[in-house]
Amino acid sequence: MNDIKVKYKRVDNLVHGEVKEIQLIGEDQEHEKGKHYFVFWHNHNNESRSTHVSHKELFDWFKIDQVEFDKKFMKASDLEERLEK
């Protein structure tokens, strides 16, 4: 049998199940309590979820590498520009 390896682990106690796919990592301009990013993802039930995280929490909790971060990251100025369209 092939074992399916889950790439992401639980983010917090409010999330039931594993993170299925990160949709977006954004820059948090508020920088509330050292939380420099916000993350939007879908869980195993395809429910949309989000949270604010520090740089360390982002890489530790979501088990991503720099390549995935670069693909999913969007600066605040880029988000604002996109929303205006």
C-alpha atoms as a PDB file:
ATOM      1  CA  MET A   1       0.000   0.000   0.000  1.00  0.00           C
ATOM      2  CA  ASN A   2       1.113   3.530  -0.681  1.00  0.00           C
ATOM      3  CA  ASP A   3       1.166   5.763   2.363  1.00  0.00           C
ATOM      4  CA  ILE A   4      -0.216   9.226   1.705  1.00  0.00           C
ATOM      5  CA  LYS A   5       1.953  11.843   3.371  1.00  0.00           C
ATOM      6  CA  VAL A   6       0.202  14.993   4.501  1.00  0.00           C
ATOM      7  CA  LYS A   7       2.329  18.015   3.674  1.00  0.00           C
ATOM      8  CA  TYR A   8       0.793  20.421   6.174  1.00  0.00           C
ATOM      9  CA  LYS A   9      -0.017  19.991   9.844  1.00  0.00           C
ATOM     10  CA  ARG A  10      -2.745  21.498  12.011  1.00  0.00           C
ATOM     11  CA  VAL A  11      -2.469  25.244  12.325  1.00  0.00           C
ATOM     12  CA  ASP A  12      -4.406  25.773  15.530  1.00  0.00           C
ATOM     13  CA  ASN A  13      -7.020  24.083  17.702  1.00  0.00           C
ATOM     14  CA  LEU A  14      -9.882  25.707  15.754  1.00  0.00           C
ATOM     15  CA  VAL A  15      -8.905  23.941  12.537  1.00  0.00           C
ATOM     16  CA  HIS A  16     -10.267  20.428  12.225  1.00  0.00           C
ATOM     17  CA  GLY A  17      -8.164  18.434   9.809  1.00  0.00           C
ATOM     18  CA  GLU A  18      -5.154  19.241   7.745  1.00  0.00           C
ATOM     19  CA  VAL A  19      -4.445  22.180   5.495  1.00  0.00           C
ATOM     20  CA  LYS A  20      -5.166  21.033   1.965  1.00  0.00           C
ATOM     21  CA  GLU A  21      -3.944  24.005  -0.058  1.00  0.00           C
ATOM     22  CA  ILE A  22      -2.629  27.466   0.696  1.00  0.00           C
ATOM     23  CA  GLN A  23      -4.403  29.990  -1.506  1.00  0.00           C
ATOM     24  CA  LEU A  24      -2.552  33.164  -0.573  1.00  0.00           C
ATOM     25  CA  ILE A  25       0.107  34.484   1.774  1.00  0.00           C
ATOM     26  CA  GLY A  26      -0.219  38.218   2.231  1.00  0.00           C
ATOM     27  CA  GLU A  27       1.742  40.958   3.891  1.00  0.00           C
ATOM     28  CA  ASP A  28       0.079  42.273   7.047  1.00  0.00           C
ATOM     29  CA  GLN A  29       0.769  45.994   7.272  1.00  0.00           C
ATOM     30  CA  GLU A  30      -0.613  46.178  10.816  1.00  0.00           C
ATOM     31  CA  HIS A  31       2.134  43.844  12.114  1.00  0.00           C
ATOM     32  CA  GLU A  32      -0.031  43.016  15.116  1.00  0.00           C
ATOM     33  CA  LYS A  33       2.076  41.347  17.830  1.00  0.00           C
ATOM     34  CA  GLY A  34       4.791  40.287  15.404  1.00  0.00           C
ATOM     35  CA  LYS A  35       2.348  38.683  12.988  1.00  0.00           C
ATOM     36  CA  HIS A  36       3.735  39.884   9.654  1.00  0.00           C
ATOM     37  CA  TYR A  37       1.656  37.680   7.342  1.00  0.00           C
ATOM     38  CA  PHE A  38      -1.878  36.473   6.857  1.00  0.00           C
ATOM     39  CA  VAL A  39      -2.611  33.124   5.240  1.00  0.00           C
ATOM     40  CA  PHE A  40      -5.742  31.943   3.432  1.00  0.00           C
ATOM     41  CA  TRP A  41      -6.148  28.200   2.878  1.00  0.00           C
ATOM     42  CA  HIS A  42      -8.639  25.400   2.274  1.00  0.00           C
ATOM     43  CA  ASN A  43      -8.883  22.574   4.775  1.00  0.00           C
ATOM     44  CA  HIS A  44      -9.624  18.902   4.081  1.00  0.00           C
ATOM     45  CA  ASN A  45     -13.359  19.740   3.744  1.00  0.00           C
ATOM     46  CA  ASN A  46     -12.644  22.537   1.231  1.00  0.00           C
ATOM     47  CA  GLU A  47     -13.638  25.120   3.840  1.00  0.00           C
ATOM     48  CA  SER A  48     -11.874  28.469   3.591  1.00  0.00           C
ATOM     49  CA  ARG A  49      -9.785  29.453   6.605  1.00  0.00           C
ATOM     50  CA  SER A  50      -7.348  32.234   7.480  1.00  0.00           C
ATOM     51  CA  THR A  51      -5.001  33.324  10.238  1.00  0.00           C
ATOM     52  CA  HIS A  52      -2.250  35.831  11.028  1.00  0.00           C
ATOM     53  CA  VAL A  53       1.225  34.383  11.557  1.00  0.00           C
ATOM     54  CA  SER A  54       4.805  35.390  12.191  1.00  0.00           C
ATOM     55  CA  HIS A  55       7.547  34.418   9.744  1.00  0.00           C
ATOM     56  CA  LYS A  56       8.592  31.465  11.930  1.00  0.00           C
ATOM     57  CA  GLU A  57       5.008  30.265  12.456  1.00  0.00           C
ATOM     58  CA  LEU A  58       4.360  30.431   8.713  1.00  0.00           C
ATOM     59  CA  PHE A  59       7.231  28.100   7.876  1.00  0.00           C
ATOM     60  CA  ASP A  60       6.848  25.849  10.958  1.00  0.00           C
ATOM     61  CA  TRP A  61       3.075  25.432  10.972  1.00  0.00           C
ATOM     62  CA  PHE A  62       2.473  25.180   7.243  1.00  0.00           C
ATOM     63  CA  LYS A  63       5.667  23.259   6.455  1.00  0.00           C
ATOM     64  CA  ILE A  64       6.407  25.325   3.359  1.00  0.00           C
ATOM     65  CA  ASP A  65       9.720  26.088   1.727  1.00  0.00           C
ATOM     66  CA  GLN A  66      10.972  29.329   0.204  1.00  0.00           C
ATOM     67  CA  VAL A  67       9.860  28.306  -3.307  1.00  0.00           C
ATOM     68  CA  GLU A  68       6.237  27.836  -2.238  1.00  0.00           C
ATOM     69  CA  PHE A  69       6.359  31.038  -0.199  1.00  0.00           C
ATOM     70  CA  ASP A  70       7.544  32.951  -3.277  1.00  0.00           C
ATOM     71  CA  LYS A  71       4.702  31.491  -5.381  1.00  0.00           C
ATOM     72  CA  LYS A  72       1.957  32.307  -2.864  1.00  0.00           C
ATOM     73  CA  PHE A  73       3.205  35.594  -1.351  1.00  0.00           C
ATOM     74  CA  MET A  74       1.618  38.890  -2.368  1.00  0.00           C
ATOM     75  CA  LYS A  75       2.727  42.306  -1.084  1.00  0.00           C
ATOM     76  CA  ALA A  76       0.086  44.631   0.364  1.00  0.00           C
ATOM     77  CA  SER A  77       0.579  47.137  -2.464  1.00  0.00           C
ATOM     78  CA  ASP A  78      -0.052  44.388  -5.039  1.00  0.00           C
ATOM     79  CA  LEU A  79      -3.231  43.346  -3.213  1.00  0.00           C
ATOM     80  CA  GLU A  80      -4.532  46.897  -3.149  1.00  0.00           C
ATOM     81  CA  GLU A  81      -3.786  47.290  -6.844  1.00  0.00           C
ATOM     82  CA  ARG A  82      -5.577  44.052  -7.642  1.00  0.00           C
ATOM     83  CA  LEU A  83      -8.641  45.026  -5.586  1.00  0.00           C
ATOM     84  CA  GLU A  84      -8.947  48.364  -7.377  1.00  0.00           C
ATOM     85  CA  LYS A  85      -9.390  46.633 -10.750  1.00  0.00           C
END
